[in-house]
Every structure is written in C-alpha cells, then in structure tokens.
Protein backbone atom coordinates (compact mmCIF):
# COMPACT_ATOMS: atom_id res chain seq x y z
CA MET A 1 -38.26 -42.89 16.59
CA LYS A 2 -38.71 -39.62 18.34
CA LEU A 3 -40.65 -38.95 21.55
CA ASN A 4 -42.42 -35.63 22.00
CA LEU A 5 -43.77 -34.42 25.33
CA ARG A 6 -47.25 -33.08 24.61
CA SER A 7 -48.21 -32.17 28.18
CA ASP A 8 -47.45 -32.97 31.76
CA GLU A 9 -50.44 -31.89 33.78
CA ALA A 10 -53.55 -33.08 35.60
CA GLY A 11 -51.83 -36.24 36.78
CA PHE A 12 -51.04 -37.47 33.26
CA CYS A 13 -47.90 -37.31 31.23
CA ARG A 14 -48.77 -37.28 27.53
CA ILE A 15 -46.08 -38.45 25.12
CA GLN A 16 -46.36 -38.89 21.37
CA THR A 17 -44.20 -41.20 19.29
CA GLU A 18 -43.09 -40.02 15.90
CA GLY A 19 -41.62 -42.16 13.14
CA GLU A 20 -40.85 -45.85 12.88
CA ILE A 21 -39.81 -47.92 15.90
CA ARG A 22 -37.30 -50.47 14.67
CA LEU A 23 -33.99 -52.20 15.34
CA SER A 24 -31.88 -49.72 13.39
CA ASP A 25 -33.27 -46.94 15.57
CA GLN A 26 -30.75 -46.39 18.36
CA SER A 27 -33.27 -44.43 20.45
CA GLY A 28 -35.46 -47.47 21.21
CA ASP A 29 -34.25 -47.49 24.80
CA THR A 30 -36.14 -46.56 27.95
CA ARG A 31 -33.34 -44.07 28.76
CA LEU A 32 -34.94 -41.87 26.10
CA VAL A 33 -38.04 -41.65 28.30
CA GLU A 34 -35.94 -40.83 31.36
CA SER A 35 -34.12 -38.05 29.50
CA LEU A 36 -37.48 -36.58 28.45
CA LEU A 37 -39.32 -36.88 31.79
CA GLY A 38 -36.70 -37.23 34.50
CA PRO A 39 -35.53 -40.04 36.77
CA ASP A 40 -38.89 -40.75 38.46
CA CYS A 41 -40.81 -40.93 35.20
CA PHE A 42 -41.80 -44.58 35.42
CA ALA A 43 -43.82 -44.00 38.61
CA ARG A 44 -46.24 -41.76 36.69
CA LYS A 45 -49.36 -42.20 34.58
CA ILE A 46 -48.01 -42.11 31.03
CA LEU A 47 -50.31 -41.90 28.02
CA LEU A 48 -48.42 -42.86 24.87
CA ASP A 49 -50.01 -41.58 21.64
CA MET A 50 -48.82 -43.74 18.75
CA GLN A 51 -50.81 -42.21 15.89
CA ASN A 52 -47.67 -40.91 14.14
CA THR A 53 -45.88 -44.27 14.13
CA PRO A 54 -46.44 -45.99 10.79
CA TYR A 55 -44.25 -49.05 11.44
CA MET A 56 -42.84 -51.07 14.31
CA ASP A 57 -40.70 -54.22 14.24
CA SER A 58 -40.00 -56.79 16.96
CA SER A 59 -37.43 -54.55 18.64
CA GLY A 60 -40.16 -51.90 18.94
CA VAL A 61 -42.41 -54.43 20.65
CA SER A 62 -39.52 -55.26 22.98
CA TRP A 63 -39.11 -51.56 23.77
CA LEU A 64 -42.81 -51.26 24.64
CA VAL A 65 -42.64 -54.33 26.89
CA SER A 66 -39.58 -52.93 28.66
CA PHE A 67 -41.23 -49.50 29.03
CA HIS A 68 -44.39 -51.15 30.43
CA LYS A 69 -42.38 -53.27 32.87
CA HIS A 70 -40.40 -50.28 34.16
CA CYS A 71 -43.67 -48.39 34.77
CA ARG A 72 -45.36 -51.34 36.48
CA ASP A 73 -42.33 -52.02 38.72
CA ALA A 74 -42.14 -48.35 39.75
CA GLY A 75 -45.86 -48.13 40.56
CA GLY A 76 -46.80 -46.18 37.45
CA ILE A 77 -48.80 -47.13 34.39
CA LEU A 78 -48.22 -46.96 30.64
CA VAL A 79 -51.28 -46.80 28.40
CA LEU A 80 -50.92 -46.87 24.61
CA HIS A 81 -53.60 -45.22 22.49
CA SER A 82 -54.36 -44.12 18.93
CA ILE A 83 -52.44 -47.12 17.63
CA PRO A 84 -52.41 -47.48 13.82
CA PRO A 85 -54.24 -50.61 12.58
CA SER A 86 -51.09 -52.30 11.24
CA ILE A 87 -49.31 -51.95 14.59
CA MET A 88 -52.41 -53.00 16.53
CA SER A 89 -52.61 -56.12 14.36
CA LEU A 90 -48.98 -56.93 15.13
CA LEU A 91 -49.49 -56.42 18.87
CA LYS A 92 -52.61 -58.62 18.88
CA LEU A 93 -50.88 -61.31 16.81
CA LEU A 94 -48.18 -61.42 19.49
CA HIS A 95 -50.87 -61.41 22.24
CA MET A 96 -49.50 -58.16 23.61
CA ASP A 97 -53.09 -57.04 24.20
CA ARG A 98 -53.02 -59.43 27.18
CA TYR A 99 -49.97 -57.72 28.66
CA LEU A 100 -49.92 -54.08 27.53
CA ASN A 101 -52.63 -51.47 28.10
CA LEU A 102 -53.93 -50.89 24.56
CA VAL A 103 -56.91 -48.58 24.05
CA GLU A 104 -58.58 -46.74 21.20
CA ASP A 105 -58.09 -43.07 22.10
CA GLU A 106 -56.78 -40.64 24.71
CA GLN A 107 -60.06 -40.49 26.61
CA ALA A 108 -60.03 -44.28 27.08
CA ALA A 109 -56.34 -44.06 28.06
CA GLN A 110 -57.21 -41.63 30.86
CA VAL A 111 -59.87 -44.00 32.20
CA VAL A 112 -57.43 -46.93 32.26
CA ALA A 113 -54.69 -44.80 33.83
CA LEU A 114 -57.09 -43.86 36.62
CA GLY A 115 -57.77 -47.51 37.36
CA GLY A 116 -60.65 -48.25 35.00
CA ASN A 117 -60.98 -51.38 32.88
CA ARG A 118 -59.22 -51.66 29.55
C-alpha cells in the first residue's frame, strides 16, 4: 500500500490509498500517516480516497480501525470514500459501517467531516 497526499487545504487533508492493503505489506502502520502529514495529523479532518485499492485483507481492516481510533482520540476525524464494492462488502460483512465513517464520494466525506450525518 502506498499513501499519496492529494491536498491539504480548506480544512481537509485529502489522502489517496494506492495498491492492496494486506498483511505482507509492511507499510500498514499508522506511522506511515504521521510521516506523510506530521505529528499532529490525527487531530485533523482526513478524507481517505480508496478508489485505487483493489484488495484489502483483515490486517487492512485492522489498520483502518487503528487509524480511525487515533483520529477520534486526538479530536480529528477519518472519513473513507470512493470505496470499491468488494472492499465495501467486506467492511459491511464485518459491521465496520457501524464504527468507521464510510461514504460514497468525496463530497459526502466533506459533509461528514464537517459534522454532518453519515
């Protein structure tokens, strides 16, 4: 997995995932986010675009939960959007839609990040 910073403006930090998120991927650690955005990154409004992630295993789900928890604990928010159908099915099967902020597109992600309903 690779994380790309798309933009950091207007109160939102936009990150895009690229590639598979799986156990054999050593970068599935929240330190990757800190190295990309800096030490106070989890206190921000982060919009995570997952459209370029074709596959995710259970360790990827664990990474998302950890990322979400770090953001919540620091007063920030993580909103996932543009999630491929196979990954969305996995997340819903695991009832992650009850815990994570999962929305259809970037516009909906902005609304949730600003305190709107998901």
